Amino acid sequence: MLKGDIPGLSVSDFIKNVYFRVISVGIVAAILPTISYMYISDQVIQFVITSIIAVISTIISVYFIGCTKIEQLQIRNQVSKFKTRIFCQ
């Protein structure tokens, strides 16, 4: 991406709004799966539990850290529409 490609977007804003959020999500999302991996000895159970925790941890981290308030509102609206379609038929 060249510096002048997107008017009004500085490199520092891009780094803050994209890279910082991605790195933060990655670090936070990795904490619980790493802990479960270290403390569960049975390999099959370890794989299943760690995978479930990783998916849940990633979803929560992306929602609260990686999304802006507007994106969170859009997600809530989509989830609400989905729940209405599923449970009201």
C-alpha atoms as a PDB file:
ATOM      1  CA  MET A   1       0.000   0.000   0.000  1.00  0.00           C
ATOM      2  CA  LEU A   2       1.450   3.316  -1.007  1.00  0.00           C
ATOM      3  CA  LYS A   3       1.338   6.252   1.378  1.00  0.00           C
ATOM      4  CA  GLY A   4      -0.927   8.460  -0.745  1.00  0.00           C
ATOM      5  CA  ASP A   5      -3.399   5.758  -1.805  1.00  0.00           C
ATOM      6  CA  ILE A   6      -6.109   6.530   0.760  1.00  0.00           C
ATOM      7  CA  PRO A   7      -6.740  10.224   1.375  1.00  0.00           C
ATOM      8  CA  GLY A   8      -7.166  11.178   5.024  1.00  0.00           C
ATOM      9  CA  LEU A   9      -5.538   8.032   6.412  1.00  0.00           C
ATOM     10  CA  SER A  10      -2.161   8.525   8.023  1.00  0.00           C
ATOM     11  CA  VAL A  11       0.303   5.729   8.583  1.00  0.00           C
ATOM     12  CA  SER A  12       0.126   6.201  12.359  1.00  0.00           C
ATOM     13  CA  ASP A  13      -3.695   5.951  12.303  1.00  0.00           C
ATOM     14  CA  PHE A  14      -3.463   2.797  10.203  1.00  0.00           C
ATOM     15  CA  ILE A  15      -0.938   1.213  12.568  1.00  0.00           C
ATOM     16  CA  LYS A  16      -3.018   2.139  15.614  1.00  0.00           C
ATOM     17  CA  ASN A  17      -6.345   1.049  14.169  1.00  0.00           C
ATOM     18  CA  VAL A  18      -5.224  -2.120  12.402  1.00  0.00           C
ATOM     19  CA  TYR A  19      -1.920  -3.540  13.624  1.00  0.00           C
ATOM     20  CA  PHE A  20      -2.412  -2.691  17.288  1.00  0.00           C
ATOM     21  CA  ARG A  21      -5.863  -4.289  17.309  1.00  0.00           C
ATOM     22  CA  VAL A  22      -4.682  -7.410  15.463  1.00  0.00           C
ATOM     23  CA  ILE A  23      -1.717  -7.912  17.790  1.00  0.00           C
ATOM     24  CA  SER A  24      -3.867  -7.269  20.874  1.00  0.00           C
ATOM     25  CA  VAL A  25      -6.510  -9.759  19.742  1.00  0.00           C
ATOM     26  CA  GLY A  26      -3.846 -12.376  19.027  1.00  0.00           C
ATOM     27  CA  ILE A  27      -2.193 -12.004  22.420  1.00  0.00           C
ATOM     28  CA  VAL A  28      -5.416 -11.963  24.449  1.00  0.00           C
ATOM     29  CA  ALA A  29      -7.011 -14.794  22.460  1.00  0.00           C
ATOM     30  CA  ALA A  30      -3.971 -17.013  23.009  1.00  0.00           C
ATOM     31  CA  ILE A  31      -3.874 -16.789  26.813  1.00  0.00           C
ATOM     32  CA  LEU A  32      -6.659 -19.238  27.794  1.00  0.00           C
ATOM     33  CA  PRO A  33      -5.886 -21.872  25.132  1.00  0.00           C
ATOM     34  CA  THR A  34      -2.238 -21.837  26.202  1.00  0.00           C
ATOM     35  CA  ILE A  35      -3.191 -22.345  29.839  1.00  0.00           C
ATOM     36  CA  SER A  36      -5.543 -25.222  28.988  1.00  0.00           C
ATOM     37  CA  TYR A  37      -2.873 -26.796  26.785  1.00  0.00           C
ATOM     38  CA  MET A  38      -0.331 -26.721  29.617  1.00  0.00           C
ATOM     39  CA  TYR A  39      -2.597 -28.227  32.280  1.00  0.00           C
ATOM     40  CA  ILE A  40      -4.484 -30.985  30.442  1.00  0.00           C
ATOM     41  CA  SER A  41      -2.427 -34.142  30.008  1.00  0.00           C
ATOM     42  CA  ASP A  42      -4.683 -36.442  27.948  1.00  0.00           C
ATOM     43  CA  GLN A  43      -3.937 -35.569  24.308  1.00  0.00           C
ATOM     44  CA  VAL A  44      -7.407 -36.149  22.885  1.00  0.00           C
ATOM     45  CA  ILE A  45      -9.170 -34.225  25.639  1.00  0.00           C
ATOM     46  CA  GLN A  46      -6.450 -31.585  25.475  1.00  0.00           C
ATOM     47  CA  PHE A  47      -7.062 -31.124  21.746  1.00  0.00           C
ATOM     48  CA  VAL A  48     -10.849 -30.906  22.066  1.00  0.00           C
ATOM     49  CA  ILE A  49     -10.927 -28.595  25.089  1.00  0.00           C
ATOM     50  CA  THR A  50      -8.124 -26.353  23.823  1.00  0.00           C
ATOM     51  CA  SER A  51      -9.802 -26.053  20.412  1.00  0.00           C
ATOM     52  CA  ILE A  52     -13.145 -25.084  21.938  1.00  0.00           C
ATOM     53  CA  ILE A  53     -11.498 -22.575  24.266  1.00  0.00           C
ATOM     54  CA  ALA A  54      -9.468 -21.133  21.370  1.00  0.00           C
ATOM     55  CA  VAL A  55     -12.567 -20.550  19.229  1.00  0.00           C
ATOM     56  CA  ILE A  56     -14.524 -18.948  22.085  1.00  0.00           C
ATOM     57  CA  SER A  57     -11.546 -16.878  23.210  1.00  0.00           C
ATOM     58  CA  THR A  58     -10.929 -15.630  19.675  1.00  0.00           C
ATOM     59  CA  ILE A  59     -14.572 -14.675  19.106  1.00  0.00           C
ATOM     60  CA  ILE A  60     -14.722 -12.758  22.383  1.00  0.00           C
ATOM     61  CA  SER A  61     -11.373 -11.040  21.795  1.00  0.00           C
ATOM     62  CA  VAL A  62     -12.256 -10.018  18.250  1.00  0.00           C
ATOM     63  CA  TYR A  63     -15.612  -8.631  19.383  1.00  0.00           C
ATOM     64  CA  PHE A  64     -14.356  -6.614  22.369  1.00  0.00           C
ATOM     65  CA  ILE A  65     -10.847  -5.646  21.216  1.00  0.00           C
ATOM     66  CA  GLY A  66     -10.825  -5.910  17.436  1.00  0.00           C
ATOM     67  CA  CYS A  67     -14.167  -4.286  16.630  1.00  0.00           C
ATOM     68  CA  THR A  68     -15.161  -0.665  16.919  1.00  0.00           C
ATOM     69  CA  LYS A  69     -18.393   0.286  18.697  1.00  0.00           C
ATOM     70  CA  ILE A  70     -20.126   0.623  15.317  1.00  0.00           C
ATOM     71  CA  GLU A  71     -18.949  -2.838  14.245  1.00  0.00           C
ATOM     72  CA  GLN A  72     -20.117  -4.289  17.574  1.00  0.00           C
ATOM     73  CA  LEU A  73     -23.552  -2.741  16.993  1.00  0.00           C
ATOM     74  CA  GLN A  74     -23.702  -4.245  13.495  1.00  0.00           C
ATOM     75  CA  ILE A  75     -22.789  -7.670  14.897  1.00  0.00           C
ATOM     76  CA  ARG A  76     -25.463  -7.407  17.606  1.00  0.00           C
ATOM     77  CA  ASN A  77     -28.045  -6.454  14.978  1.00  0.00           C
ATOM     78  CA  GLN A  78     -27.101  -9.398  12.753  1.00  0.00           C
ATOM     79  CA  VAL A  79     -27.194 -11.831  15.693  1.00  0.00           C
ATOM     80  CA  SER A  80     -30.591 -10.454  16.695  1.00  0.00           C
ATOM     81  CA  LYS A  81     -31.947 -10.936  13.168  1.00  0.00           C
ATOM     82  CA  PHE A  82     -30.542 -14.470  13.088  1.00  0.00           C
ATOM     83  CA  LYS A  83     -32.119 -15.348  16.456  1.00  0.00           C
ATOM     84  CA  THR A  84     -35.458 -13.959  15.284  1.00  0.00           C
ATOM     85  CA  ARG A  85     -35.335 -16.050  12.112  1.00  0.00           C
ATOM     86  CA  ILE A  86     -34.411 -19.223  14.003  1.00  0.00           C
ATOM     87  CA  PHE A  87     -36.718 -18.985  17.024  1.00  0.00           C
ATOM     88  CA  CYS A  88     -39.782 -17.264  15.578  1.00  0.00           C
ATOM     89  CA  GLN A  89     -40.570 -19.692  12.791  1.00  0.00           C
END
